[in-house]
N, C-alpha and C. Protein backbone atom coordinates (compact mmCIF):
# COMPACT_ATOMS: atom_id res chain seq x y z
N MET A 1 -16.79 -83.28 -44.99
CA MET A 1 -16.76 -84.31 -46.02
C MET A 1 -16.03 -85.66 -44.95
N LYS A 2 -14.93 -84.88 -44.56
CA LYS A 2 -13.55 -85.13 -43.84
C LYS A 2 -14.50 -85.68 -42.71
N LYS A 3 -15.17 -85.11 -42.08
CA LYS A 3 -15.92 -85.50 -40.49
C LYS A 3 -16.64 -86.66 -40.71
N LEU A 4 -17.75 -86.44 -41.90
CA LEU A 4 -18.44 -87.90 -42.08
C LEU A 4 -17.57 -88.84 -42.28
N VAL A 5 -16.52 -89.13 -42.72
CA VAL A 5 -15.48 -89.93 -43.01
C VAL A 5 -14.79 -90.49 -41.70
N LEU A 6 -14.49 -89.58 -40.87
CA LEU A 6 -14.03 -90.05 -39.47
C LEU A 6 -14.96 -90.72 -38.74
N ALA A 7 -15.99 -89.89 -38.74
CA ALA A 7 -17.26 -90.08 -37.78
C ALA A 7 -17.51 -91.82 -38.21
N ALA A 8 -17.70 -92.36 -39.39
CA ALA A 8 -18.33 -93.50 -40.28
C ALA A 8 -17.08 -94.86 -39.47
N ALA A 9 -16.26 -94.08 -39.67
CA ALA A 9 -14.46 -95.01 -39.51
C ALA A 9 -14.68 -95.13 -37.59
N LEU A 10 -15.10 -94.56 -36.91
CA LEU A 10 -15.15 -94.42 -35.86
C LEU A 10 -16.11 -95.29 -34.99
N THR A 11 -17.38 -95.06 -35.79
CA THR A 11 -18.54 -96.02 -35.39
C THR A 11 -18.43 -97.76 -35.82
N ALA A 12 -17.55 -97.37 -37.25
CA ALA A 12 -17.48 -99.01 -37.29
C ALA A 12 -16.34 -99.72 -36.63
N ALA A 13 -15.26 -98.87 -36.06
CA ALA A 13 -14.49 -99.12 -34.82
C ALA A 13 -15.36 -99.37 -33.53
N ALA A 14 -15.96 -98.86 -33.27
CA ALA A 14 -16.27 -99.11 -32.06
C ALA A 14 -17.49 -100.05 -32.39
N SER A 15 -18.10 -100.25 -33.05
CA SER A 15 -19.13 -101.37 -33.15
C SER A 15 -18.72 -102.87 -32.75
N THR A 16 -17.02 -103.18 -33.37
CA THR A 16 -16.70 -104.44 -32.89
C THR A 16 -15.89 -104.05 -32.14
N ALA A 17 -15.84 -103.19 -31.43
CA ALA A 17 -15.26 -103.12 -29.91
C ALA A 17 -16.24 -103.56 -28.82
N PHE A 18 -17.23 -103.25 -29.03
CA PHE A 18 -18.06 -103.72 -28.10
C PHE A 18 -19.12 -104.89 -28.68
N ALA A 19 -18.88 -105.48 -29.44
CA ALA A 19 -19.30 -106.89 -29.80
C ALA A 19 -19.35 -107.78 -28.68
N GLY A 20 -18.48 -108.14 -28.18
CA GLY A 20 -18.58 -109.38 -26.65
C GLY A 20 -18.40 -108.53 -25.35
N ASN A 21 -18.40 -109.37 -24.50
CA ASN A 21 -18.36 -109.04 -23.42
C ASN A 21 -17.44 -110.33 -22.92
N MET A 22 -16.66 -109.79 -21.47
CA MET A 22 -15.93 -110.13 -21.01
C MET A 22 -16.41 -111.54 -20.10
N ALA A 23 -17.44 -111.66 -19.87
CA ALA A 23 -17.84 -112.89 -19.26
C ALA A 23 -17.85 -114.28 -20.06
N GLU A 24 -17.91 -114.97 -19.05
CA GLU A 24 -17.83 -116.59 -19.78
C GLU A 24 -19.13 -117.08 -20.13
N PRO A 25 -18.64 -117.37 -21.48
CA PRO A 25 -20.20 -118.37 -22.10
C PRO A 25 -20.31 -119.19 -21.53
N VAL A 26 -21.88 -119.26 -21.63
CA VAL A 26 -22.60 -120.28 -20.48
C VAL A 26 -23.08 -121.20 -21.87
N ILE A 27 -22.48 -122.39 -21.33
CA ILE A 27 -22.15 -123.65 -21.99
C ILE A 27 -23.23 -124.75 -21.08
N GLU A 28 -24.53 -125.28 -22.12
CA GLU A 28 -25.19 -126.15 -21.22
C GLU A 28 -24.47 -127.73 -21.37
N ALA A 29 -25.25 -128.18 -20.48
CA ALA A 29 -24.45 -129.82 -20.57
C ALA A 29 -25.13 -130.16 -21.19
N PRO A 30 -24.92 -131.26 -22.12
CA PRO A 30 -25.39 -132.12 -22.67
C PRO A 30 -26.23 -133.08 -22.15
N VAL A 31 -27.70 -133.76 -22.96
CA VAL A 31 -28.50 -134.27 -22.15
C VAL A 31 -28.25 -135.66 -22.86
N ILE A 32 -27.85 -136.56 -22.02
CA ILE A 32 -27.74 -138.01 -22.23
C ILE A 32 -28.90 -138.90 -21.89
N VAL A 33 -29.26 -139.41 -23.12
CA VAL A 33 -30.63 -140.80 -22.81
C VAL A 33 -30.06 -141.69 -22.64
N GLU A 34 -30.16 -142.30 -21.54
CA GLU A 34 -29.79 -144.03 -21.62
C GLU A 34 -30.92 -144.61 -21.76
N GLU A 35 -30.96 -145.53 -22.92
CA GLU A 35 -31.82 -146.75 -23.37
C GLU A 35 -32.14 -147.57 -22.38
N ALA A 36 -33.48 -148.39 -22.21
CA ALA A 36 -33.43 -149.08 -20.83
C ALA A 36 -33.00 -150.24 -21.21
N SER A 37 -32.37 -151.11 -20.73
CA SER A 37 -31.64 -152.52 -21.28
C SER A 37 -32.41 -153.63 -21.29
N SER A 38 -32.63 -154.54 -21.94
CA SER A 38 -33.66 -155.40 -21.93
C SER A 38 -32.78 -156.72 -20.93
N SER A 39 -33.69 -157.72 -20.73
CA SER A 39 -33.20 -158.62 -19.75
C SER A 39 -32.41 -159.31 -20.74
N SER A 40 -31.45 -160.29 -19.89
CA SER A 40 -30.86 -161.10 -20.41
C SER A 40 -31.30 -162.62 -20.79
N ALA A 41 -32.80 -162.74 -20.36
CA ALA A 41 -33.18 -163.90 -20.45
C ALA A 41 -34.00 -163.72 -21.81
N GLY A 42 -34.17 -162.96 -22.40
CA GLY A 42 -35.26 -162.60 -23.79
C GLY A 42 -34.41 -163.41 -24.88
N GLY A 43 -33.16 -163.14 -25.23
CA GLY A 43 -32.47 -164.58 -26.13
C GLY A 43 -32.45 -165.86 -25.82
N VAL A 44 -33.01 -166.62 -24.60
CA VAL A 44 -32.87 -167.79 -24.65
C VAL A 44 -34.10 -168.28 -24.24
N LEU A 45 -35.41 -167.06 -23.78
CA LEU A 45 -36.96 -167.72 -24.01
C LEU A 45 -37.28 -168.64 -24.67
N VAL A 46 -36.85 -167.85 -26.04
CA VAL A 46 -37.82 -168.58 -27.23
C VAL A 46 -37.13 -170.12 -27.52
N PRO A 47 -36.17 -169.81 -27.62
CA PRO A 47 -35.67 -171.55 -27.93
C PRO A 47 -36.04 -172.31 -26.84
N LEU A 48 -36.03 -171.85 -25.45
CA LEU A 48 -36.59 -173.06 -24.96
C LEU A 48 -38.29 -173.35 -24.74
N VAL A 49 -39.01 -172.14 -24.99
CA VAL A 49 -40.23 -172.49 -25.27
C VAL A 49 -40.50 -173.71 -26.88
N ILE A 50 -39.65 -173.64 -27.54
CA ILE A 50 -39.67 -174.36 -28.92
C ILE A 50 -38.95 -175.95 -28.44
N LEU A 51 -38.02 -175.68 -27.52
CA LEU A 51 -37.56 -176.89 -27.03
C LEU A 51 -38.42 -177.65 -26.32
N ALA A 52 -39.39 -176.68 -25.25
CA ALA A 52 -40.70 -177.72 -24.74
C ALA A 52 -41.66 -178.16 -25.65
N VAL A 53 -42.15 -176.97 -26.66
CA VAL A 53 -43.06 -178.07 -27.46
C VAL A 53 -42.44 -178.90 -28.01
N ILE A 54 -41.15 -178.91 -28.94
CA ILE A 54 -41.16 -180.33 -29.39
C ILE A 54 -40.82 -181.74 -28.65
N ALA A 55 -40.39 -181.24 -26.86
CA ALA A 55 -40.44 -182.36 -26.19
C ALA A 55 -42.08 -182.88 -25.76
N ALA A 56 -42.76 -181.88 -25.78
CA ALA A 56 -44.21 -182.35 -25.70
C ALA A 56 -44.94 -183.27 -26.75
N ILE A 57 -44.36 -182.62 -27.95
CA ILE A 57 -44.61 -183.27 -29.30
C ILE A 57 -44.56 -184.96 -29.09
N ALA A 58 -43.04 -185.07 -29.06
CA ALA A 58 -42.08 -186.31 -28.69
C ALA A 58 -42.81 -186.97 -27.53
N ALA A 59 -43.18 -186.74 -26.81
CA ALA A 59 -43.79 -187.19 -25.69
C ALA A 59 -44.78 -188.14 -26.11
N ASP A 60 -45.69 -187.64 -26.99
CA ASP A 60 -47.10 -188.35 -27.31
C ASP A 60 -46.70 -189.70 -28.00
């Protein structure tokens, strides 16, 4: 019975000793997704069109 307990204790100790290795872990670089930037004229275009429509109506 003592040999069985000793064998179980050595097996448990050996399994934790070989749990990892000495090699450096492989860490992948994070993927960075860059969104396409919109043009700066996008916010100016709508007011200019509205102004042109108002000017066309006022010219008649």
